[in-house]
PDB file of N, CA and C in Angstrom:
ATOM      1  N   MET A   1      -9.060  20.014  99.831  1.00  0.00           N
ATOM      2  CA  MET A   1      -9.297  21.405 100.096  1.00  0.00           C
ATOM      3  C   MET A   1      -9.631  21.577 101.567  1.00  0.00           C
ATOM      4  N   VAL A   2      -9.022  22.573 102.170  1.00  0.00           N
ATOM      5  CA  VAL A   2      -9.226  22.857 103.573  1.00  0.00           C
ATOM      6  C   VAL A   2      -9.743  24.277 103.692  1.00  0.00           C
ATOM      7  N   THR A   3     -10.843  24.456 104.408  1.00  0.00           N
ATOM      8  CA  THR A   3     -11.396  25.772 104.623  1.00  0.00           C
ATOM      9  C   THR A   3     -11.433  26.049 106.115  1.00  0.00           C
ATOM     10  N   THR A   4     -10.869  27.174 106.519  1.00  0.00           N
ATOM     11  CA  THR A   4     -10.917  27.580 107.912  1.00  0.00           C
ATOM     12  C   THR A   4     -11.453  28.989 107.987  1.00  0.00           C
ATOM     13  N   THR A   5     -12.139  29.284 109.093  1.00  0.00           N
ATOM     14  CA  THR A   5     -12.713  30.602 109.289  1.00  0.00           C
ATOM     15  C   THR A   5     -12.404  31.053 110.694  1.00  0.00           C
ATOM     16  N   LYS A   6     -12.012  32.326 110.826  1.00  0.00           N
ATOM     17  CA  LYS A   6     -11.791  32.858 112.159  1.00  0.00           C
ATOM     18  C   LYS A   6     -12.087  34.338 112.171  1.00  0.00           C
ATOM     19  N   LYS A   7     -12.367  34.842 113.377  1.00  0.00           N
ATOM     20  CA  LYS A   7     -12.671  36.249 113.560  1.00  0.00           C
ATOM     21  C   LYS A   7     -11.400  36.948 114.021  1.00  0.00           C
ATOM     22  N   THR A   8     -11.111  38.096 113.413  1.00  0.00           N
ATOM     23  CA  THR A   8      -9.972  38.897 113.814  1.00  0.00           C
ATOM     24  C   THR A   8     -10.465  40.198 114.421  1.00  0.00           C
ATOM     25  N   GLU A   9      -9.536  41.036 114.835  1.00  0.00           N
ATOM     26  CA  GLU A   9      -9.923  42.322 115.420  1.00  0.00           C
ATOM     27  C   GLU A   9     -10.481  43.248 114.345  1.00  0.00           C
ATOM     28  N   ASP A  10     -11.110  44.336 114.771  1.00  0.00           N
ATOM     29  CA  ASP A  10     -11.680  45.357 113.894  1.00  0.00           C
ATOM     30  C   ASP A  10     -12.813  44.821 113.028  1.00  0.00           C
ATOM     31  N   ASN A  11     -13.613  43.931 113.545  1.00  0.00           N
ATOM     32  CA  ASN A  11     -14.784  43.398 112.839  1.00  0.00           C
ATOM     33  C   ASN A  11     -14.440  42.735 111.506  1.00  0.00           C
ATOM     34  N   ASN A  12     -13.271  42.181 111.378  1.00  0.00           N
ATOM     35  CA  ASN A  12     -12.908  41.412 110.187  1.00  0.00           C
ATOM     36  C   ASN A  12     -13.183  39.945 110.436  1.00  0.00           C
ATOM     37  N   LEU A  13     -13.600  39.259 109.407  1.00  0.00           N
ATOM     38  CA  LEU A  13     -13.797  37.827 109.488  1.00  0.00           C
ATOM     39  C   LEU A  13     -13.104  37.207 108.297  1.00  0.00           C
ATOM     40  N   THR A  14     -12.283  36.183 108.518  1.00  0.00           N
ATOM     41  CA  THR A  14     -11.509  35.605 107.424  1.00  0.00           C
ATOM     42  C   THR A  14     -11.940  34.172 107.172  1.00  0.00           C
ATOM     43  N   ALA A  15     -11.789  33.760 105.921  1.00  0.00           N
ATOM     44  CA  ALA A  15     -11.982  32.371 105.524  1.00  0.00           C
ATOM     45  C   ALA A  15     -10.852  32.017 104.567  1.00  0.00           C
ATOM     46  N   THR A  16     -10.292  30.813 104.725  1.00  0.00           N
ATOM     47  CA  THR A  16      -9.136  30.399 103.938  1.00  0.00           C
ATOM     48  C   THR A  16      -9.435  29.108 103.208  1.00  0.00           C
ATOM     49  N   LEU A  17      -9.039  29.056 101.945  1.00  0.00           N
ATOM     50  CA  LEU A  17      -9.124  27.838 101.148  1.00  0.00           C
ATOM     51  C   LEU A  17      -7.715  27.489 100.697  1.00  0.00           C
ATOM     52  N   LYS A  18      -7.309  26.265 100.950  1.00  0.00           N
ATOM     53  CA  LYS A  18      -5.967  25.832 100.579  1.00  0.00           C
ATOM     54  C   LYS A  18      -6.057  24.728  99.530  1.00  0.00           C
ATOM     55  N   TYR A  19      -5.081  24.688  98.660  1.00  0.00           N
ATOM     56  CA  TYR A  19      -4.904  23.642  97.653  1.00  0.00           C
ATOM     57  C   TYR A  19      -6.048  23.569  96.642  1.00  0.00           C
ATOM     58  N   ALA A  20      -6.554  24.719  96.215  1.00  0.00           N
ATOM     59  CA  ALA A  20      -7.564  24.747  95.155  1.00  0.00           C
ATOM     60  C   ALA A  20      -6.872  24.459  93.828  1.00  0.00           C
ATOM     61  N   LEU A  21      -7.417  23.565  93.037  1.00  0.00           N
ATOM     62  CA  LEU A  21      -6.768  23.115  91.807  1.00  0.00           C
ATOM     63  C   LEU A  21      -7.051  24.085  90.654  1.00  0.00           C
ATOM     64  N   VAL A  22      -6.593  25.323  90.842  1.00  0.00           N
ATOM     65  CA  VAL A  22      -6.680  26.395  89.857  1.00  0.00           C
ATOM     66  C   VAL A  22      -5.410  27.212  90.020  1.00  0.00           C
ATOM     67  N   SER A  23      -4.892  27.778  88.944  1.00  0.00           N
ATOM     68  CA  SER A  23      -3.680  28.579  89.080  1.00  0.00           C
ATOM     69  C   SER A  23      -3.987  29.876  89.822  1.00  0.00           C
ATOM     70  N   ASP A  24      -2.962  30.417  90.448  1.00  0.00           N
ATOM     71  CA  ASP A  24      -3.157  31.634  91.244  1.00  0.00           C
ATOM     72  C   ASP A  24      -3.463  32.843  90.371  1.00  0.00           C
ATOM     73  N   LYS A  25      -2.965  32.870  89.146  1.00  0.00           N
ATOM     74  CA  LYS A  25      -3.248  33.990  88.252  1.00  0.00           C
ATOM     75  C   LYS A  25      -4.724  34.024  87.860  1.00  0.00           C
ATOM     76  N   LYS A  26      -5.284  32.863  87.575  1.00  0.00           N
ATOM     77  CA  LYS A  26      -6.698  32.798  87.215  1.00  0.00           C
ATOM     78  C   LYS A  26      -7.585  33.152  88.402  1.00  0.00           C
ATOM     79  N   MET A  27      -7.174  32.723  89.599  1.00  0.00           N
ATOM     80  CA  MET A  27      -7.943  33.039  90.801  1.00  0.00           C
ATOM     81  C   MET A  27      -7.863  34.534  91.121  1.00  0.00           C
ATOM     82  N   ALA A  28      -6.713  35.153  90.883  1.00  0.00           N
ATOM     83  CA  ALA A  28      -6.553  36.575  91.177  1.00  0.00           C
ATOM     84  C   ALA A  28      -7.412  37.446  90.261  1.00  0.00           C
ATOM     85  N   LEU A  29      -7.614  37.007  89.022  1.00  0.00           N
ATOM     86  CA  LEU A  29      -8.480  37.759  88.102  1.00  0.00           C
ATOM     87  C   LEU A  29      -9.922  37.811  88.604  1.00  0.00           C
ATOM     88  N   ILE A  30     -10.402  36.679  89.095  1.00  0.00           N
ATOM     89  CA  ILE A  30     -11.767  36.624  89.619  1.00  0.00           C
ATOM     90  C   ILE A  30     -11.857  37.381  90.936  1.00  0.00           C
ATOM     91  N   ALA A  31     -10.805  37.317  91.744  1.00  0.00           N
ATOM     92  CA  ALA A  31     -10.817  37.994  93.039  1.00  0.00           C
ATOM     93  C   ALA A  31     -10.882  39.504  92.886  1.00  0.00           C
ATOM     94  N   GLN A  32     -10.262  40.048  91.854  1.00  0.00           N
ATOM     95  CA  GLN A  32     -10.319  41.487  91.619  1.00  0.00           C
ATOM     96  C   GLN A  32     -11.723  41.945  91.252  1.00  0.00           C
ATOM     97  N   MET A  33     -12.475  41.096  90.600  1.00  0.00           N
ATOM     98  CA  MET A  33     -13.844  41.453  90.227  1.00  0.00           C
ATOM     99  C   MET A  33     -14.752  41.568  91.442  1.00  0.00           C
ATOM    100  N   VAL A  34     -14.476  40.776  92.469  1.00  0.00           N
ATOM    101  CA  VAL A  34     -15.373  40.654  93.615  1.00  0.00           C
ATOM    102  C   VAL A  34     -14.980  41.607  94.748  1.00  0.00           C
ATOM    103  N   LYS A  35     -13.727  41.989  94.796  1.00  0.00           N
ATOM    104  CA  LYS A  35     -13.215  42.776  95.918  1.00  0.00           C
ATOM    105  C   LYS A  35     -13.943  44.114  96.039  1.00  0.00           C
ATOM    106  N   GLY A  36     -14.365  44.440  97.265  1.00  0.00           N
ATOM    107  CA  GLY A  36     -15.035  45.705  97.537  1.00  0.00           C
ATOM    108  C   GLY A  36     -16.541  45.670  97.411  1.00  0.00           C
ATOM    109  N   LYS A  37     -17.121  44.560  97.002  1.00  0.00           N
ATOM    110  CA  LYS A  37     -18.566  44.469  96.812  1.00  0.00           C
ATOM    111  C   LYS A  37     -19.233  43.917  98.063  1.00  0.00           C
ATOM    112  N   LYS A  38     -20.536  44.112  98.145  1.00  0.00           N
ATOM    113  CA  LYS A  38     -21.306  43.484  99.219  1.00  0.00           C
ATOM    114  C   LYS A  38     -21.307  41.977  98.997  1.00  0.00           C
ATOM    115  N   VAL A  39     -21.479  41.248 100.074  1.00  0.00           N
ATOM    116  CA  VAL A  39     -21.378  39.791  99.979  1.00  0.00           C
ATOM    117  C   VAL A  39     -22.484  39.219  99.105  1.00  0.00           C
ATOM    118  N   ASP A  40     -23.687  39.738  99.209  1.00  0.00           N
ATOM    119  CA  ASP A  40     -24.785  39.231  98.377  1.00  0.00           C
ATOM    120  C   ASP A  40     -24.519  39.467  96.896  1.00  0.00           C
ATOM    121  N   ASP A  41     -24.013  40.652  96.561  1.00  0.00           N
ATOM    122  CA  ASP A  41     -23.704  40.958  95.163  1.00  0.00           C
ATOM    123  C   ASP A  41     -22.561  40.086  94.646  1.00  0.00           C
ATOM    124  N   ALA A  42     -21.569  39.858  95.506  1.00  0.00           N
ATOM    125  CA  ALA A  42     -20.423  39.037  95.110  1.00  0.00           C
ATOM    126  C   ALA A  42     -20.847  37.597  94.857  1.00  0.00           C
ATOM    127  N   LEU A  43     -21.723  37.065  95.697  1.00  0.00           N
ATOM    128  CA  LEU A  43     -22.168  35.681  95.518  1.00  0.00           C
ATOM    129  C   LEU A  43     -22.998  35.511  94.255  1.00  0.00           C
ATOM    130  N   THR A  44     -23.852  36.473  93.947  1.00  0.00           N
ATOM    131  CA  THR A  44     -24.642  36.359  92.716  1.00  0.00           C
ATOM    132  C   THR A  44     -23.752  36.487  91.480  1.00  0.00           C
ATOM    133  N   LEU A  45     -22.730  37.346  91.544  1.00  0.00           N
ATOM    134  CA  LEU A  45     -21.808  37.482  90.421  1.00  0.00           C
ATOM    135  C   LEU A  45     -21.016  36.200  90.205  1.00  0.00           C
ATOM    136  N   LEU A  46     -20.570  35.590  91.283  1.00  0.00           N
ATOM    137  CA  LEU A  46     -19.765  34.369  91.162  1.00  0.00           C
ATOM    138  C   LEU A  46     -20.590  33.178  90.682  1.00  0.00           C
ATOM    139  N   GLN A  47     -21.889  33.173  90.975  1.00  0.00           N
ATOM    140  CA  GLN A  47     -22.742  32.091  90.485  1.00  0.00           C
ATOM    141  C   GLN A  47     -22.887  32.142  88.970  1.00  0.00           C
ATOM    142  N   VAL A  48     -22.866  33.335  88.411  1.00  0.00           N
ATOM    143  CA  VAL A  48     -23.105  33.510  86.984  1.00  0.00           C
ATOM    144  C   VAL A  48     -21.843  33.291  86.157  1.00  0.00           C
ATOM    145  N   LEU A  49     -20.676  33.595  86.706  1.00  0.00           N
ATOM    146  CA  LEU A  49     -19.430  33.504  85.948  1.00  0.00           C
ATOM    147  C   LEU A  49     -19.118  32.063  85.541  1.00  0.00           C
ATOM    148  N   PRO A  50     -18.740  31.828  84.294  1.00  0.00           N
ATOM    149  CA  PRO A  50     -18.455  30.459  83.833  1.00  0.00           C
ATOM    150  C   PRO A  50     -16.991  30.070  84.004  1.00  0.00           C
ATOM    151  N   LYS A  51     -16.387  30.407  85.135  1.00  0.00           N
ATOM    152  CA  LYS A  51     -14.991  30.095  85.382  1.00  0.00           C
ATOM    153  C   LYS A  51     -14.882  29.105  86.530  1.00  0.00           C
ATOM    154  N   LYS A  52     -13.864  28.255  86.475  1.00  0.00           N
ATOM    155  CA  LYS A  52     -13.638  27.272  87.532  1.00  0.00           C
ATOM    156  C   LYS A  52     -13.218  27.966  88.824  1.00  0.00           C
ATOM    157  N   ALA A  53     -12.438  29.026  88.707  1.00  0.00           N
ATOM    158  CA  ALA A  53     -11.985  29.758  89.889  1.00  0.00           C
ATOM    159  C   ALA A  53     -13.151  30.425  90.609  1.00  0.00           C
ATOM    160  N   ALA A  54     -14.198  30.786  89.879  1.00  0.00           N
ATOM    161  CA  ALA A  54     -15.360  31.421  90.488  1.00  0.00           C
ATOM    162  C   ALA A  54     -16.084  30.453  91.425  1.00  0.00           C
ATOM    163  N   LYS A  55     -16.090  29.178  91.089  1.00  0.00           N
ATOM    164  CA  LYS A  55     -16.739  28.190  91.948  1.00  0.00           C
ATOM    165  C   LYS A  55     -15.995  28.042  93.270  1.00  0.00           C
ATOM    166  N   PHE A  56     -14.672  28.018  93.208  1.00  0.00           N
ATOM    167  CA  PHE A  56     -13.887  27.926  94.435  1.00  0.00           C
ATOM    168  C   PHE A  56     -14.063  29.166  95.304  1.00  0.00           C
ATOM    169  N   LEU A  57     -14.024  30.334  94.685  1.00  0.00           N
ATOM    170  CA  LEU A  57     -14.161  31.582  95.425  1.00  0.00           C
ATOM    171  C   LEU A  57     -15.564  31.722  96.003  1.00  0.00           C
ATOM    172  N   TYR A  58     -16.550  31.227  95.291  1.00  0.00           N
ATOM    173  CA  TYR A  58     -17.927  31.240  95.791  1.00  0.00           C
ATOM    174  C   TYR A  58     -18.037  30.446  97.091  1.00  0.00           C
ATOM    175  N   LYS A  59     -17.408  29.284  97.127  1.00  0.00           N
ATOM    176  CA  LYS A  59     -17.477  28.446  98.322  1.00  0.00           C
ATOM    177  C   LYS A  59     -16.805  29.108  99.520  1.00  0.00           C
ATOM    178  N   VAL A  60     -15.692  29.791  99.281  1.00  0.00           N
ATOM    179  CA  VAL A  60     -14.977  30.436 100.382  1.00  0.00           C
ATOM    180  C   VAL A  60     -15.777  31.610 100.935  1.00  0.00           C
ATOM    181  N   ILE A  61     -16.306  32.433 100.047  1.00  0.00           N
ATOM    182  CA  ILE A  61     -17.073  33.598 100.506  1.00  0.00           C
ATOM    183  C   ILE A  61     -18.358  33.159 101.188  1.00  0.00           C
ATOM    184  N   LYS A  62     -18.986  32.122 100.670  1.00  0.00           N
ATOM    185  CA  LYS A  62     -20.218  31.633 101.289  1.00  0.00           C
ATOM    186  C   LYS A  62     -19.944  31.039 102.670  1.00  0.00           C
ATOM    187  N   SER A  63     -18.802  30.377 102.833  1.00  0.00           N
ATOM    188  CA  SER A  63     -18.431  29.836 104.139  1.00  0.00           C
ATOM    189  C   SER A  63     -18.198  30.949 105.146  1.00  0.00           C
ATOM    190  N   ALA A  64     -17.479  31.984 104.748  1.00  0.00           N
ATOM    191  CA  ALA A  64     -17.238  33.121 105.642  1.00  0.00           C
ATOM    192  C   ALA A  64     -18.538  33.848 105.970  1.00  0.00           C
ATOM    193  N   TYR A  65     -19.395  33.958 104.982  1.00  0.00           N
ATOM    194  CA  TYR A  65     -20.691  34.621 105.168  1.00  0.00           C
ATOM    195  C   TYR A  65     -21.571  33.847 106.147  1.00  0.00           C
ATOM    196  N   ALA A  66     -21.613  32.534 105.995  1.00  0.00           N
ATOM    197  CA  ALA A  66     -22.430  31.710 106.888  1.00  0.00           C
ATOM    198  C   ALA A  66     -21.896  31.761 108.317  1.00  0.00           C
ATOM    199  N   ASN A  67     -20.583  31.725 108.469  1.00  0.00           N
ATOM    200  CA  ASN A  67     -20.009  31.797 109.808  1.00  0.00           C
ATOM    201  C   ASN A  67     -20.198  33.176 110.429  1.00  0.00           C
ATOM    202  N   ALA A  68     -20.203  34.205 109.623  1.00  0.00           N
ATOM    203  CA  ALA A  68     -20.415  35.552 110.149  1.00  0.00           C
ATOM    204  C   ALA A  68     -21.835  35.742 110.651  1.00  0.00           C
ATOM    205  N   THR A  69     -22.787  35.132 109.955  1.00  0.00           N
ATOM    206  CA  THR A  69     -24.184  35.314 110.357  1.00  0.00           C
ATOM    207  C   THR A  69     -24.593  34.391 111.493  1.00  0.00           C
ATOM    208  N   THR A  70     -24.014  33.195 111.572  1.00  0.00           N
ATOM    209  CA  THR A  70     -24.429  32.261 112.621  1.00  0.00           C
ATOM    210  C   THR A  70     -23.564  32.359 113.873  1.00  0.00           C
ATOM    211  N   ASN A  71     -22.253  32.268 113.716  1.00  0.00           N
ATOM    212  CA  ASN A  71     -21.378  32.231 114.887  1.00  0.00           C
ATOM    213  C   ASN A  71     -21.129  33.616 115.478  1.00  0.00           C
ATOM    214  N   ALA A  72     -20.846  34.586 114.635  1.00  0.00           N
ATOM    215  CA  ALA A  72     -20.500  35.919 115.118  1.00  0.00           C
ATOM    216  C   ALA A  72     -21.702  36.850 115.177  1.00  0.00           C
ATOM    217  N   SER A  73     -22.829  36.440 114.657  1.00  0.00           N
ATOM    218  CA  SER A  73     -24.106  37.165 114.653  1.00  0.00           C
ATOM    219  C   SER A  73     -23.972  38.589 114.108  1.00  0.00           C
ATOM    220  N   TYR A  74     -23.338  38.723 112.944  1.00  0.00           N
ATOM    221  CA  TYR A  74     -23.268  40.001 112.249  1.00  0.00           C
ATOM    222  C   TYR A  74     -24.515  40.207 111.412  1.00  0.00           C
ATOM    223  N   ASP A  75     -24.814  41.451 111.110  1.00  0.00           N
ATOM    224  CA  ASP A  75     -25.931  41.761 110.231  1.00  0.00           C
ATOM    225  C   ASP A  75     -25.535  41.432 108.790  1.00  0.00           C
ATOM    226  N   PRO A  76     -26.260  40.552 108.109  1.00  0.00           N
ATOM    227  CA  PRO A  76     -25.862  40.128 106.755  1.00  0.00           C
ATOM    228  C   PRO A  76     -25.851  41.260 105.727  1.00  0.00           C
ATOM    229  N   LYS A  77     -26.662  42.286 105.925  1.00  0.00           N
ATOM    230  CA  LYS A  77     -26.734  43.363 104.945  1.00  0.00           C
ATOM    231  C   LYS A  77     -25.553  44.325 105.042  1.00  0.00           C
ATOM    232  N   LYS A  78     -24.818  44.288 106.150  1.00  0.00           N
ATOM    233  CA  LYS A  78     -23.694  45.205 106.335  1.00  0.00           C
ATOM    234  C   LYS A  78     -22.343  44.587 105.980  1.00  0.00           C
ATOM    235  N   LEU A  79     -22.322  43.308 105.610  1.00  0.00           N
ATOM    236  CA  LEU A  79     -21.063  42.636 105.290  1.00  0.00           C
ATOM    237  C   LEU A  79     -20.640  42.930 103.855  1.00  0.00           C
ATOM    238  N   TYR A  80     -19.343  43.149 103.673  1.00  0.00           N
ATOM    239  CA  TYR A  80     -18.794  43.287 102.331  1.00  0.00           C
ATOM    240  C   TYR A  80     -17.413  42.653 102.281  1.00  0.00           C
ATOM    241  N   VAL A  81     -16.962  42.351 101.077  1.00  0.00           N
ATOM    242  CA  VAL A  81     -15.659  41.712 100.873  1.00  0.00           C
ATOM    243  C   VAL A  81     -14.603  42.815 100.946  1.00  0.00           C
ATOM    244  N   HIS A  82     -13.837  42.797 102.018  1.00  0.00           N
ATOM    245  CA  HIS A  82     -12.854  43.853 102.249  1.00  0.00           C
ATOM    246  C   HIS A  82     -11.584  43.623 101.436  1.00  0.00           C
ATOM    247  N   LYS A  83     -11.073  42.399 101.471  1.00  0.00           N
ATOM    248  CA  LYS A  83      -9.808  42.100 100.808  1.00  0.00           C
ATOM    249  C   LYS A  83      -9.761  40.610 100.501  1.00  0.00           C
ATOM    250  N   ILE A  84      -9.102  40.251  99.392  1.00  0.00           N
ATOM    251  CA  ILE A  84      -8.895  38.850  99.028  1.00  0.00           C
ATOM    252  C   ILE A  84      -7.414  38.671  98.706  1.00  0.00           C
ATOM    253  N   GLU A  85      -6.767  37.781  99.428  1.00  0.00           N
ATOM    254  CA  GLU A  85      -5.365  37.471  99.179  1.00  0.00           C
ATOM    255  C   GLU A  85      -5.279  36.133  98.448  1.00  0.00           C
ATOM    256  N   VAL A  86      -4.538  36.121  97.352  1.00  0.00           N
ATOM    257  CA  VAL A  86      -4.342  34.907  96.564  1.00  0.00           C
ATOM    258  C   VAL A  86      -2.843  34.693  96.417  1.00  0.00           C
ATOM    259  N   TRP A  87      -2.381  33.501  96.724  1.00  0.00           N
ATOM    260  CA  TRP A  87      -0.984  33.180  96.496  1.00  0.00           C
ATOM    261  C   TRP A  87      -0.846  31.758  95.999  1.00  0.00           C
ATOM    262  N   ARG A  88       0.332  31.456  95.465  1.00  0.00           N
ATOM    263  CA  ARG A  88       0.576  30.183  94.796  1.00  0.00           C
ATOM    264  C   ARG A  88       0.804  29.065  95.808  1.00  0.00           C
ATOM    265  N   GLY A  89       0.166  27.928  95.542  1.00  0.00           N
ATOM    266  CA  GLY A  89       0.384  26.738  96.341  1.00  0.00           C
ATOM    267  C   GLY A  89       1.406  25.840  95.668  1.00  0.00           C
ATOM    268  N   PRO A  90       1.543  24.630  96.142  1.00  0.00           N
ATOM    269  CA  PRO A  90       2.515  23.716  95.535  1.00  0.00           C
ATOM    270  C   PRO A  90       2.064  23.243  94.153  1.00  0.00           C
ATOM    271  N   LYS A  91       3.054  22.937  93.314  1.00  0.00           N
ATOM    272  CA  LYS A  91       2.764  22.450  91.966  1.00  0.00           C
ATOM    273  C   LYS A  91       2.590  20.933  91.992  1.00  0.00           C
ATOM    274  N   ILE A  92       1.808  20.432  91.041  1.00  0.00           N
ATOM    275  CA  ILE A  92       1.684  18.992  90.828  1.00  0.00           C
ATOM    276  C   ILE A  92       2.321  18.698  89.483  1.00  0.00           C
ATOM    277  N   GLN A  93       3.364  17.904  89.480  1.00  0.00           N
ATOM    278  CA  GLN A  93       4.057  17.591  88.235  1.00  0.00           C
ATOM    279  C   GLN A  93       3.616  16.212  87.765  1.00  0.00           C
ATOM    280  N   ARG A  94       3.164  16.130  86.532  1.00  0.00           N
ATOM    281  CA  ARG A  94       2.628  14.896  85.978  1.00  0.00           C
ATOM    282  C   ARG A  94       3.329  14.550  84.671  1.00  0.00           C
ATOM    283  N   VAL A  95       3.088  13.316  84.213  1.00  0.00           N
ATOM    284  CA  VAL A  95       3.680  12.812  82.976  1.00  0.00           C
ATOM    285  C   VAL A  95       2.568  12.235  82.120  1.00  0.00           C
ATOM    286  N   ARG A  96       2.604  12.545  80.821  1.00  0.00           N
ATOM    287  CA  ARG A  96       1.667  11.962  79.873  1.00  0.00           C
ATOM    288  C   ARG A  96       2.483  11.182  78.847  1.00  0.00           C
ATOM    289  N   PHE A  97       2.130   9.940  78.651  1.00  0.00           N
ATOM    290  CA  PHE A  97       2.861   9.082  77.717  1.00  0.00           C
ATOM    291  C   PHE A  97       2.322   9.267  76.308  1.00  0.00           C
ATOM    292  N   ALA A  98       3.248   9.372  75.348  1.00  0.00           N
ATOM    293  CA  ALA A  98       2.891   9.559  73.948  1.00  0.00           C
ATOM    294  C   ALA A  98       3.405   8.369  73.142  1.00  0.00           C
ATOM    295  N   SER A  99       3.147   8.402  71.856  1.00  0.00           N
ATOM    296  CA  SER A  99       3.571   7.285  71.013  1.00  0.00           C
ATOM    297  C   SER A  99       5.088   7.291  70.812  1.00  0.00           C
ATOM    298  N   ARG A 100       5.629   6.190  70.378  1.00  0.00           N
ATOM    299  CA  ARG A 100       7.045   5.990  70.092  1.00  0.00           C
ATOM    300  C   ARG A 100       7.935   6.288  71.311  1.00  0.00           C
ATOM    301  N   SER A 101       7.491   5.845  72.471  1.00  0.00           N
ATOM    302  CA  SER A 101       8.259   5.923  73.724  1.00  0.00           C
ATOM    303  C   SER A 101       8.625   7.345  74.125  1.00  0.00           C
ATOM    304  N   ARG A 102       7.771   8.292  73.831  1.00  0.00           N
ATOM    305  CA  ARG A 102       8.015   9.671  74.236  1.00  0.00           C
ATOM    306  C   ARG A 102       7.183  10.004  75.468  1.00  0.00           C
ATOM    307  N   ILE A 103       7.655  10.984  76.213  1.00  0.00           N
ATOM    308  CA  ILE A 103       6.966  11.416  77.434  1.00  0.00           C
ATOM    309  C   ILE A 103       6.790  12.929  77.382  1.00  0.00           C
ATOM    310  N   SER A 104       5.602  13.393  77.722  1.00  0.00           N
ATOM    311  CA  SER A 104       5.341  14.826  77.821  1.00  0.00           C
ATOM    312  C   SER A 104       5.113  15.170  79.289  1.00  0.00           C
ATOM    313  N   HIS A 105       5.841  16.136  79.792  1.00  0.00           N
ATOM    314  CA  HIS A 105       5.681  16.593  81.164  1.00  0.00           C
ATOM    315  C   HIS A 105       4.715  17.774  81.188  1.00  0.00           C
ATOM    316  N   TYR A 106       3.896  17.840  82.228  1.00  0.00           N
ATOM    317  CA  TYR A 106       3.041  19.008  82.415  1.00  0.00           C
ATOM    318  C   TYR A 106       2.874  19.257  83.904  1.00  0.00           C
ATOM    319  N   VAL A 107       2.486  20.487  84.222  1.00  0.00           N
ATOM    320  CA  VAL A 107       2.404  20.938  85.604  1.00  0.00           C
ATOM    321  C   VAL A 107       1.004  21.487  85.854  1.00  0.00           C
ATOM    322  N   LYS A 108       0.416  21.091  86.986  1.00  0.00           N
ATOM    323  CA  LYS A 108      -0.844  21.663  87.427  1.00  0.00           C
ATOM    324  C   LYS A 108      -0.536  22.564  88.625  1.00  0.00           C
ATOM    325  N   TYR A 109      -1.126  23.743  88.625  1.00  0.00           N
ATOM    326  CA  TYR A 109      -0.860  24.703  89.684  1.00  0.00           C
ATOM    327  C   TYR A 109      -2.012  24.726  90.677  1.00  0.00           C
ATOM    328  N   ARG A 110      -1.685  25.073  91.896  1.00  0.00           N
ATOM    329  CA  ARG A 110      -2.680  25.208  92.953  1.00  0.00           C
ATOM    330  C   ARG A 110      -2.664  26.626  93.489  1.00  0.00           C
ATOM    331  N   ALA A 111      -3.741  26.986  94.169  1.00  0.00           N
ATOM    332  CA  ALA A 111      -3.841  28.339  94.716  1.00  0.00           C
ATOM    333  C   ALA A 111      -4.325  28.281  96.161  1.00  0.00           C
ATOM    334  N   PHE A 112      -3.846  29.221  96.945  1.00  0.00           N
ATOM    335  CA  PHE A 112      -4.350  29.454  98.291  1.00  0.00           C
ATOM    336  C   PHE A 112      -5.111  30.771  98.255  1.00  0.00           C
ATOM    337  N   VAL A 113      -6.260  30.824  98.929  1.00  0.00           N
ATOM    338  CA  VAL A 113      -7.106  32.017  98.912  1.00  0.00           C
ATOM    339  C   VAL A 113      -7.480  32.360 100.342  1.00  0.00           C
ATOM    340  N   LYS A 114      -7.385  33.636 100.682  1.00  0.00           N
ATOM    341  CA  LYS A 114      -7.832  34.114 101.990  1.00  0.00           C
ATOM    342  C   LYS A 114      -8.759  35.297 101.759  1.00  0.00           C
ATOM    343  N   VAL A 115      -9.982  35.208 102.270  1.00  0.00           N
ATOM    344  CA  VAL A 115     -11.012  36.223 102.072  1.00  0.00           C
ATOM    345  C   VAL A 115     -11.243  36.940 103.398  1.00  0.00           C
ATOM    346  N   PHE A 116     -11.249  38.264 103.354  1.00  0.00           N
ATOM    347  CA  PHE A 116     -11.527  39.079 104.529  1.00  0.00           C
ATOM    348  C   PHE A 116     -12.881  39.761 104.343  1.00  0.00           C
ATOM    349  N   LEU A 117     -13.834  39.439 105.205  1.00  0.00           N
ATOM    350  CA  LEU A 117     -15.115  40.135 105.215  1.00  0.00           C
ATOM    351  C   LEU A 117     -15.068  41.209 106.292  1.00  0.00           C
ATOM    352  N   HIS A 118     -15.717  42.329 106.028  1.00  0.00           N
ATOM    353  CA  HIS A 118     -15.693  43.446 106.964  1.00  0.00           C
ATOM    354  C   HIS A 118     -17.122  43.947 107.154  1.00  0.00           C
ATOM    355  N   VAL A 119     -17.392  44.497 108.328  1.00  0.00           N
ATOM    356  CA  VAL A 119     -18.702  45.036 108.633  1.00  0.00           C
ATOM    357  C   VAL A 119     -18.622  46.556 108.582  1.00  0.00           C
ATOM    358  N   LYS A 120     -19.529  47.171 107.860  1.00  0.00           N
ATOM    359  CA  LYS A 120     -19.553  48.643 107.804  1.00  0.00           C
ATOM    360  C   LYS A 120     -20.295  49.188 108.991  1.00  0.00           C
TER     361      LYS A 120
END
């Protein structure tokens, strides 16, 4: 997993997570719940949710939040999650061996996530 954070124009701050081992559809469901909320509210909601995608999204938002408060010196109470982009990463194709010389194929999906924090 690779996380990068950078500041863009118009007081936006982005954080990116690549190759999260969760499907993009599952990540998008959690991202819709968090979008538009204050960062503190979003982090508390993600801590409570019993989903694997919530843990990944929590780490990305917390990374962007920490960089916004330390590096860019934004006021933590004015930050909110402006937009979350989720798209599909590469698939991992695996094989599971079964009895009587049979093989079952299965695919694991990955997700890329980009979080935009904004200052009001």
